[in-house]
Amino acid sequence: GFPFTHQSLYEKGEEILKAKGAAQGTPFKPLGKQWSHNFLNRYRHRISTYWGTSLHQSQGRAVNAHTKKGWCMLLK
């Protein structure tokens, strides 16, 4: 899918906090207005977006003479 927008990231963060607060019996404190920007800046080394390749392309590159020979040997 597509990466979260700042709004959707903010909403998911609030959902998690509401669920955590309900489980622990603590009151819910809303996130700040710049929370999603701060979150992405803080964890930018762990979070990144990329476009994956389609499965057909990956499968097409996986089939070669070596893998075909190995597969035939397994079937025998």
N, C-alpha and C. Protein backbone atom coordinates (compact mmCIF):
# COMPACT_ATOMS: atom_id res chain seq x y z
N GLY A 1 0.80 -1.17 0.00
CA GLY A 1 0.00 0.00 0.00
C GLY A 1 0.86 1.25 0.00
N PHE A 2 0.19 2.34 0.12
CA PHE A 2 0.86 3.63 0.15
C PHE A 2 1.25 3.99 1.58
N PRO A 3 2.30 4.77 1.77
CA PRO A 3 2.70 5.17 3.13
C PRO A 3 1.65 6.07 3.76
N PHE A 4 1.66 6.11 5.07
CA PHE A 4 0.73 6.96 5.81
C PHE A 4 0.97 8.43 5.50
N THR A 5 -0.11 9.19 5.46
CA THR A 5 0.01 10.65 5.44
C THR A 5 0.22 11.09 6.88
N HIS A 6 0.54 12.35 7.08
CA HIS A 6 0.71 12.84 8.45
C HIS A 6 -0.60 12.69 9.23
N GLN A 7 -1.71 12.95 8.58
CA GLN A 7 -3.01 12.84 9.25
C GLN A 7 -3.30 11.40 9.65
N SER A 8 -3.09 10.45 8.74
CA SER A 8 -3.38 9.06 9.07
C SER A 8 -2.40 8.52 10.12
N LEU A 9 -1.14 8.95 10.08
CA LEU A 9 -0.18 8.56 11.09
C LEU A 9 -0.61 9.09 12.47
N TYR A 10 -1.06 10.33 12.50
CA TYR A 10 -1.55 10.94 13.73
C TYR A 10 -2.75 10.16 14.28
N GLU A 11 -3.69 9.80 13.40
CA GLU A 11 -4.88 9.07 13.82
C GLU A 11 -4.51 7.69 14.37
N LYS A 12 -3.60 7.00 13.71
CA LYS A 12 -3.16 5.68 14.20
C LYS A 12 -2.46 5.80 15.54
N GLY A 13 -1.65 6.84 15.71
CA GLY A 13 -0.99 7.07 16.99
C GLY A 13 -1.98 7.29 18.11
N GLU A 14 -3.03 8.05 17.83
CA GLU A 14 -4.06 8.29 18.85
C GLU A 14 -4.84 7.02 19.15
N GLU A 15 -5.12 6.20 18.13
CA GLU A 15 -5.81 4.93 18.36
C GLU A 15 -5.00 4.04 19.30
N ILE A 16 -3.70 3.99 19.07
CA ILE A 16 -2.84 3.16 19.92
C ILE A 16 -2.84 3.68 21.35
N LEU A 17 -2.75 5.00 21.51
CA LEU A 17 -2.75 5.57 22.87
C LEU A 17 -4.09 5.34 23.58
N LYS A 18 -5.19 5.48 22.85
CA LYS A 18 -6.51 5.23 23.45
C LYS A 18 -6.63 3.78 23.91
N ALA A 19 -6.18 2.84 23.07
CA ALA A 19 -6.26 1.43 23.43
C ALA A 19 -5.35 1.12 24.62
N LYS A 20 -4.16 1.70 24.62
CA LYS A 20 -3.22 1.47 25.73
C LYS A 20 -3.78 2.06 27.02
N GLY A 21 -4.35 3.26 26.93
CA GLY A 21 -4.93 3.89 28.11
C GLY A 21 -6.12 3.12 28.64
N ALA A 22 -6.95 2.59 27.76
CA ALA A 22 -8.11 1.80 28.18
C ALA A 22 -7.66 0.52 28.87
N ALA A 23 -6.61 -0.11 28.34
CA ALA A 23 -6.11 -1.35 28.93
C ALA A 23 -5.49 -1.11 30.30
N GLN A 24 -4.85 0.04 30.48
CA GLN A 24 -4.18 0.34 31.74
C GLN A 24 -5.05 1.15 32.70
N GLY A 25 -6.20 1.59 32.21
CA GLY A 25 -7.10 2.37 33.04
C GLY A 25 -6.62 3.79 33.29
N THR A 26 -5.85 4.35 32.36
CA THR A 26 -5.36 5.71 32.50
C THR A 26 -6.09 6.62 31.52
N PRO A 27 -6.22 7.90 31.83
CA PRO A 27 -6.92 8.81 30.91
C PRO A 27 -6.12 9.05 29.64
N PHE A 28 -6.82 9.32 28.56
CA PHE A 28 -6.20 9.56 27.26
C PHE A 28 -5.79 11.02 27.15
N LYS A 29 -4.53 11.27 26.80
CA LYS A 29 -4.03 12.61 26.57
C LYS A 29 -3.74 12.74 25.07
N PRO A 30 -4.43 13.65 24.35
CA PRO A 30 -4.23 13.77 22.89
C PRO A 30 -2.79 14.11 22.51
N LEU A 31 -2.42 13.72 21.31
CA LEU A 31 -1.10 14.04 20.79
C LEU A 31 -1.04 15.50 20.38
N GLY A 32 0.16 16.05 20.31
CA GLY A 32 0.34 17.44 19.89
C GLY A 32 0.15 17.61 18.39
N LYS A 33 0.05 18.85 17.95
CA LYS A 33 -0.21 19.15 16.53
C LYS A 33 0.94 18.72 15.63
N GLN A 34 2.17 18.79 16.08
CA GLN A 34 3.34 18.44 15.27
C GLN A 34 3.86 17.03 15.58
N TRP A 35 3.04 16.20 16.23
CA TRP A 35 3.49 14.89 16.65
C TRP A 35 3.99 14.03 15.50
N SER A 36 3.25 13.98 14.40
CA SER A 36 3.65 13.11 13.29
C SER A 36 4.97 13.56 12.67
N HIS A 37 5.19 14.87 12.56
CA HIS A 37 6.45 15.38 12.02
C HIS A 37 7.61 15.03 12.95
N ASN A 38 7.40 15.21 14.25
CA ASN A 38 8.44 14.88 15.23
C ASN A 38 8.73 13.38 15.25
N PHE A 39 7.69 12.56 15.15
CA PHE A 39 7.85 11.11 15.13
C PHE A 39 8.69 10.68 13.94
N LEU A 40 8.36 11.21 12.76
CA LEU A 40 9.11 10.85 11.55
C LEU A 40 10.56 11.34 11.61
N ASN A 41 10.78 12.52 12.17
CA ASN A 41 12.15 13.01 12.31
C ASN A 41 12.95 12.15 13.29
N ARG A 42 12.31 11.74 14.37
CA ARG A 42 12.99 10.94 15.39
C ARG A 42 13.36 9.56 14.87
N TYR A 43 12.48 8.94 14.06
CA TYR A 43 12.70 7.57 13.61
C TYR A 43 13.00 7.48 12.11
N ARG A 44 13.50 8.54 11.51
CA ARG A 44 13.75 8.54 10.07
C ARG A 44 14.79 7.51 9.65
N HIS A 45 15.71 7.14 10.55
CA HIS A 45 16.71 6.13 10.22
C HIS A 45 16.11 4.72 10.18
N ARG A 46 14.92 4.53 10.76
CA ARG A 46 14.26 3.23 10.75
C ARG A 46 13.07 3.17 9.78
N ILE A 47 12.54 4.33 9.43
CA ILE A 47 11.35 4.39 8.59
C ILE A 47 11.72 4.99 7.24
N SER A 48 11.34 4.32 6.18
CA SER A 48 11.55 4.88 4.85
C SER A 48 10.49 4.31 3.92
N THR A 49 10.27 4.99 2.82
CA THR A 49 9.32 4.50 1.83
C THR A 49 10.10 4.01 0.62
N TYR A 50 9.55 3.07 -0.06
CA TYR A 50 10.17 2.56 -1.27
C TYR A 50 9.09 1.93 -2.14
N TRP A 51 9.38 1.80 -3.41
CA TRP A 51 8.48 1.12 -4.33
C TRP A 51 9.03 -0.28 -4.54
N GLY A 52 8.23 -1.27 -4.23
CA GLY A 52 8.64 -2.64 -4.42
C GLY A 52 8.47 -3.06 -5.87
N THR A 53 9.05 -4.19 -6.19
CA THR A 53 8.88 -4.72 -7.54
C THR A 53 7.68 -5.66 -7.54
N SER A 54 7.11 -5.85 -8.69
CA SER A 54 5.97 -6.75 -8.76
C SER A 54 6.45 -8.19 -8.60
N LEU A 55 5.56 -9.04 -8.18
CA LEU A 55 5.90 -10.44 -7.94
C LEU A 55 6.30 -11.12 -9.25
N HIS A 56 5.66 -10.76 -10.34
CA HIS A 56 5.98 -11.38 -11.62
C HIS A 56 7.42 -11.10 -12.03
N GLN A 57 7.87 -9.89 -11.81
CA GLN A 57 9.26 -9.56 -12.15
C GLN A 57 10.23 -10.35 -11.29
N SER A 58 9.93 -10.47 -10.01
CA SER A 58 10.80 -11.21 -9.10
C SER A 58 10.84 -12.68 -9.48
N GLN A 59 9.69 -13.23 -9.80
CA GLN A 59 9.65 -14.64 -10.20
C GLN A 59 10.39 -14.86 -11.51
N GLY A 60 10.25 -13.94 -12.45
CA GLY A 60 10.92 -14.07 -13.74
C GLY A 60 12.43 -14.08 -13.61
N ARG A 61 12.95 -13.28 -12.69
CA ARG A 61 14.40 -13.25 -12.49
C ARG A 61 14.89 -14.48 -11.72
N ALA A 62 14.00 -15.13 -10.97
CA ALA A 62 14.40 -16.29 -10.18
C ALA A 62 14.57 -17.54 -11.04
N VAL A 63 13.92 -17.57 -12.20
CA VAL A 63 14.00 -18.74 -13.06
C VAL A 63 15.20 -18.59 -13.99
N ASN A 64 16.13 -19.50 -13.86
CA ASN A 64 17.28 -19.55 -14.76
C ASN A 64 17.65 -21.02 -14.95
N ALA A 65 18.65 -21.28 -15.72
CA ALA A 65 19.03 -22.67 -16.03
C ALA A 65 19.40 -23.44 -14.76
N HIS A 66 20.08 -22.80 -13.84
CA HIS A 66 20.52 -23.47 -12.61
C HIS A 66 19.32 -23.86 -11.74
N THR A 67 18.40 -22.94 -11.52
CA THR A 67 17.24 -23.24 -10.68
C THR A 67 16.32 -24.25 -11.37
N LYS A 68 16.19 -24.15 -12.67
CA LYS A 68 15.35 -25.10 -13.41
C LYS A 68 15.91 -26.51 -13.28
N LYS A 69 17.23 -26.66 -13.41
CA LYS A 69 17.87 -27.97 -13.28
C LYS A 69 17.68 -28.53 -11.87
N GLY A 70 17.84 -27.68 -10.87
CA GLY A 70 17.65 -28.11 -9.48
C GLY A 70 16.22 -28.56 -9.22
N TRP A 71 15.24 -27.84 -9.77
CA TRP A 71 13.84 -28.19 -9.60
C TRP A 71 13.53 -29.53 -10.25
N CYS A 72 14.05 -29.75 -11.44
CA CYS A 72 13.84 -31.03 -12.13
C CYS A 72 14.45 -32.18 -11.36
N MET A 73 15.60 -31.94 -10.76
CA MET A 73 16.23 -33.00 -9.95
C MET A 73 15.39 -33.31 -8.71
N LEU A 74 14.79 -32.29 -8.11
CA LEU A 74 13.92 -32.52 -6.96
C LEU A 74 12.68 -33.32 -7.34
N LEU A 75 12.14 -33.05 -8.50
CA LEU A 75 10.95 -33.77 -8.94
C LEU A 75 11.23 -35.25 -9.20
N LYS A 76 12.44 -35.55 -9.71
CA LYS A 76 12.80 -36.94 -9.98
C LYS A 76 12.97 -37.68 -8.67
